[in-house]
Amino acid sequence: MIQKSETIFRRDGSVGVMIECGICKQVYAIVLSNEEYTRYFVNEERIQHAMPNQPPTIRELLVSGVCGECFDMFLKEKEEDGSEG
């Protein structure tokens, strides 16, 4: 699922997007190539195919709207809980 983001600029083959973590509310500015942007946001390709060179934390933020730090905290809490899935 593509999260809500705001395009902040387009220039020199790059697109800047801003996205807010749904948990901590930190706003992140991410620079993508025009190709990555088009493949993911326009063509709705799977993120791992649309932007294979982006770090997993950036891809997770774009997919789920949760930053890497909050995602790690969530997983740690689940581990401590003994919860699955």
N, C-alpha and C. Protein backbone atom coordinates (compact mmCIF):
# COMPACT_ATOMS: atom_id res chain seq x y z
N MET A 1 0.84 -1.19 0.00
CA MET A 1 0.00 0.00 0.00
C MET A 1 0.88 1.24 0.00
N ILE A 2 0.59 2.17 -0.84
CA ILE A 2 1.36 3.39 -0.94
C ILE A 2 0.84 4.38 0.09
N GLN A 3 1.77 4.87 0.92
CA GLN A 3 1.41 5.82 1.96
C GLN A 3 1.28 7.22 1.39
N LYS A 4 0.52 8.05 2.07
CA LYS A 4 0.37 9.44 1.68
C LYS A 4 1.71 10.14 1.83
N SER A 5 2.11 10.84 0.81
CA SER A 5 3.34 11.62 0.86
C SER A 5 3.11 12.89 0.07
N GLU A 6 4.01 13.82 0.22
CA GLU A 6 3.92 15.07 -0.49
C GLU A 6 5.18 15.26 -1.32
N THR A 7 5.02 15.47 -2.60
CA THR A 7 6.16 15.74 -3.46
C THR A 7 6.63 17.16 -3.17
N ILE A 8 7.92 17.29 -2.86
CA ILE A 8 8.42 18.61 -2.50
C ILE A 8 9.25 19.27 -3.59
N PHE A 9 9.84 18.48 -4.49
CA PHE A 9 10.54 19.08 -5.62
C PHE A 9 10.78 18.03 -6.70
N ARG A 10 11.02 18.53 -7.88
CA ARG A 10 11.41 17.70 -9.02
C ARG A 10 12.49 18.48 -9.75
N ARG A 11 13.68 17.89 -9.84
CA ARG A 11 14.73 18.54 -10.61
C ARG A 11 15.87 17.56 -10.86
N ASP A 12 16.57 17.80 -11.92
CA ASP A 12 17.79 17.03 -12.25
C ASP A 12 17.61 15.52 -12.11
N GLY A 13 16.49 15.00 -12.54
CA GLY A 13 16.28 13.56 -12.48
C GLY A 13 15.93 13.02 -11.11
N SER A 14 15.62 13.92 -10.16
CA SER A 14 15.28 13.50 -8.80
C SER A 14 13.92 14.04 -8.38
N VAL A 15 13.33 13.35 -7.43
CA VAL A 15 12.06 13.77 -6.84
C VAL A 15 12.23 13.69 -5.33
N GLY A 16 11.87 14.76 -4.65
CA GLY A 16 11.89 14.75 -3.20
C GLY A 16 10.49 14.54 -2.67
N VAL A 17 10.35 13.66 -1.72
CA VAL A 17 9.04 13.43 -1.09
C VAL A 17 9.19 13.57 0.41
N MET A 18 8.14 14.06 1.04
CA MET A 18 8.10 14.14 2.50
C MET A 18 7.06 13.16 2.98
N ILE A 19 7.40 12.42 4.03
CA ILE A 19 6.45 11.47 4.61
C ILE A 19 6.63 11.49 6.12
N GLU A 20 5.53 11.43 6.82
CA GLU A 20 5.52 11.48 8.28
C GLU A 20 5.34 10.08 8.85
N CYS A 21 6.16 9.72 9.84
CA CYS A 21 6.00 8.45 10.54
C CYS A 21 4.66 8.49 11.28
N GLY A 22 3.88 7.46 11.10
CA GLY A 22 2.57 7.39 11.73
C GLY A 22 2.61 7.19 13.23
N ILE A 23 3.79 6.85 13.77
CA ILE A 23 3.90 6.61 15.21
C ILE A 23 4.53 7.81 15.92
N CYS A 24 5.76 8.16 15.54
CA CYS A 24 6.47 9.24 16.25
C CYS A 24 6.23 10.62 15.66
N LYS A 25 5.62 10.66 14.47
CA LYS A 25 5.26 11.90 13.77
C LYS A 25 6.47 12.66 13.22
N GLN A 26 7.66 12.05 13.24
CA GLN A 26 8.84 12.66 12.62
C GLN A 26 8.60 12.73 11.11
N VAL A 27 8.96 13.85 10.50
CA VAL A 27 8.79 14.01 9.06
C VAL A 27 10.14 13.74 8.39
N TYR A 28 10.13 12.92 7.36
CA TYR A 28 11.33 12.54 6.64
C TYR A 28 11.26 13.06 5.22
N ALA A 29 12.38 13.60 4.74
CA ALA A 29 12.51 14.02 3.35
C ALA A 29 13.35 12.96 2.64
N ILE A 30 12.81 12.39 1.60
CA ILE A 30 13.47 11.30 0.88
C ILE A 30 13.66 11.72 -0.56
N VAL A 31 14.86 11.51 -1.09
CA VAL A 31 15.15 11.83 -2.48
C VAL A 31 15.16 10.53 -3.27
N LEU A 32 14.32 10.49 -4.29
CA LEU A 32 14.21 9.33 -5.17
C LEU A 32 14.56 9.76 -6.59
N SER A 33 14.98 8.81 -7.38
CA SER A 33 15.17 9.11 -8.80
C SER A 33 13.78 9.21 -9.43
N ASN A 34 13.71 9.89 -10.57
CA ASN A 34 12.44 9.96 -11.30
C ASN A 34 11.92 8.56 -11.60
N GLU A 35 12.83 7.65 -11.95
CA GLU A 35 12.44 6.28 -12.27
C GLU A 35 11.84 5.58 -11.05
N GLU A 36 12.50 5.70 -9.89
CA GLU A 36 11.97 5.08 -8.67
C GLU A 36 10.59 5.63 -8.34
N TYR A 37 10.47 6.95 -8.42
CA TYR A 37 9.20 7.60 -8.11
C TYR A 37 8.09 7.11 -9.03
N THR A 38 8.36 7.10 -10.32
CA THR A 38 7.35 6.68 -11.29
C THR A 38 6.98 5.22 -11.11
N ARG A 39 7.98 4.37 -10.96
CA ARG A 39 7.71 2.93 -10.83
C ARG A 39 6.85 2.64 -9.60
N TYR A 40 7.10 3.34 -8.48
CA TYR A 40 6.37 3.05 -7.25
C TYR A 40 5.05 3.83 -7.15
N PHE A 41 5.12 5.16 -7.27
CA PHE A 41 3.94 5.98 -7.03
C PHE A 41 2.98 6.03 -8.21
N VAL A 42 3.48 5.94 -9.42
CA VAL A 42 2.61 6.03 -10.60
C VAL A 42 2.20 4.64 -11.07
N ASN A 43 3.19 3.78 -11.31
CA ASN A 43 2.90 2.44 -11.84
C ASN A 43 2.52 1.45 -10.75
N GLU A 44 2.71 1.82 -9.50
CA GLU A 44 2.39 0.99 -8.33
C GLU A 44 3.06 -0.38 -8.37
N GLU A 45 4.33 -0.40 -8.80
CA GLU A 45 5.11 -1.63 -8.74
C GLU A 45 5.45 -1.94 -7.29
N ARG A 46 5.75 -3.19 -7.02
CA ARG A 46 6.20 -3.55 -5.68
C ARG A 46 7.46 -2.78 -5.37
N ILE A 47 7.54 -2.31 -4.13
CA ILE A 47 8.62 -1.40 -3.78
C ILE A 47 10.01 -2.02 -3.95
N GLN A 48 10.15 -3.31 -3.67
CA GLN A 48 11.46 -3.94 -3.79
C GLN A 48 11.92 -4.00 -5.24
N HIS A 49 10.98 -3.96 -6.18
CA HIS A 49 11.32 -3.93 -7.60
C HIS A 49 11.48 -2.50 -8.10
N ALA A 50 10.68 -1.59 -7.57
CA ALA A 50 10.71 -0.20 -8.00
C ALA A 50 11.96 0.53 -7.53
N MET A 51 12.45 0.17 -6.34
CA MET A 51 13.63 0.86 -5.79
C MET A 51 14.51 -0.10 -5.00
N PRO A 52 15.13 -1.05 -5.68
CA PRO A 52 15.95 -2.06 -5.00
C PRO A 52 17.19 -1.51 -4.31
N ASN A 53 17.64 -0.33 -4.71
CA ASN A 53 18.86 0.23 -4.11
C ASN A 53 18.59 1.11 -2.89
N GLN A 54 17.33 1.38 -2.60
CA GLN A 54 17.01 2.16 -1.39
C GLN A 54 17.13 1.25 -0.17
N PRO A 55 17.57 1.79 0.96
CA PRO A 55 17.67 0.98 2.18
C PRO A 55 16.30 0.45 2.60
N PRO A 56 16.29 -0.72 3.24
CA PRO A 56 15.02 -1.29 3.70
C PRO A 56 14.22 -0.35 4.60
N THR A 57 14.89 0.46 5.41
CA THR A 57 14.16 1.37 6.30
C THR A 57 13.40 2.43 5.51
N ILE A 58 13.97 2.90 4.41
CA ILE A 58 13.29 3.88 3.56
C ILE A 58 12.10 3.22 2.87
N ARG A 59 12.31 2.03 2.36
CA ARG A 59 11.20 1.32 1.70
C ARG A 59 10.07 1.05 2.69
N GLU A 60 10.41 0.65 3.91
CA GLU A 60 9.38 0.38 4.93
C GLU A 60 8.60 1.65 5.25
N LEU A 61 9.29 2.77 5.37
CA LEU A 61 8.62 4.04 5.64
C LEU A 61 7.64 4.37 4.52
N LEU A 62 8.05 4.17 3.28
CA LEU A 62 7.16 4.47 2.16
C LEU A 62 5.97 3.52 2.09
N VAL A 63 6.18 2.25 2.47
CA VAL A 63 5.10 1.26 2.39
C VAL A 63 4.14 1.36 3.57
N SER A 64 4.69 1.40 4.77
CA SER A 64 3.84 1.32 5.97
C SER A 64 3.62 2.64 6.67
N GLY A 65 4.45 3.63 6.36
CA GLY A 65 4.34 4.91 7.06
C GLY A 65 4.95 4.85 8.44
N VAL A 66 5.84 3.88 8.68
CA VAL A 66 6.50 3.74 9.98
C VAL A 66 8.01 3.81 9.76
N CYS A 67 8.68 4.68 10.50
CA CYS A 67 10.13 4.83 10.35
C CYS A 67 10.86 3.62 10.94
N GLY A 68 12.12 3.49 10.59
CA GLY A 68 12.92 2.35 11.03
C GLY A 68 13.01 2.22 12.54
N GLU A 69 13.19 3.34 13.23
CA GLU A 69 13.31 3.31 14.69
C GLU A 69 12.02 2.81 15.34
N CYS A 70 10.90 3.30 14.89
CA CYS A 70 9.61 2.86 15.45
C CYS A 70 9.31 1.42 15.08
N PHE A 71 9.68 1.02 13.85
CA PHE A 71 9.47 -0.35 13.42
C PHE A 71 10.28 -1.31 14.30
N ASP A 72 11.55 -0.96 14.56
CA ASP A 72 12.40 -1.79 15.43
C ASP A 72 11.83 -1.87 16.84
N MET A 73 11.32 -0.75 17.35
CA MET A 73 10.73 -0.72 18.68
C MET A 73 9.49 -1.62 18.73
N PHE A 74 8.68 -1.59 17.69
CA PHE A 74 7.50 -2.43 17.60
C PHE A 74 7.89 -3.91 17.63
N LEU A 75 8.92 -4.28 16.84
CA LEU A 75 9.36 -5.67 16.81
C LEU A 75 9.90 -6.11 18.16
N LYS A 76 10.65 -5.24 18.83
CA LYS A 76 11.20 -5.55 20.15
C LYS A 76 10.08 -5.79 21.15
N GLU A 77 9.05 -4.95 21.12
CA GLU A 77 7.92 -5.11 22.02
C GLU A 77 7.20 -6.44 21.76
N LYS A 78 7.05 -6.81 20.50
CA LYS A 78 6.40 -8.08 20.17
C LYS A 78 7.22 -9.26 20.67
N GLU A 79 8.56 -9.15 20.55
CA GLU A 79 9.45 -10.20 21.03
C GLU A 79 9.32 -10.36 22.55
N GLU A 80 9.32 -9.25 23.24
CA GLU A 80 9.22 -9.27 24.71
C GLU A 80 7.86 -9.80 25.16
N ASP A 81 6.83 -9.53 24.36
CA ASP A 81 5.49 -9.99 24.64
C ASP A 81 5.33 -11.48 24.39
N GLY A 82 6.17 -11.98 23.48
CA GLY A 82 6.01 -13.35 23.04
C GLY A 82 4.94 -13.49 21.99
N SER A 83 4.52 -12.35 21.45
CA SER A 83 3.46 -12.31 20.42
C SER A 83 4.01 -12.80 19.10
N GLU A 84 3.11 -13.35 18.29
CA GLU A 84 3.44 -13.75 16.93
C GLU A 84 2.53 -13.02 15.97
N GLY A 85 3.08 -12.80 14.71
CA GLY A 85 2.29 -12.24 13.61
C GLY A 85 1.70 -10.97 13.93
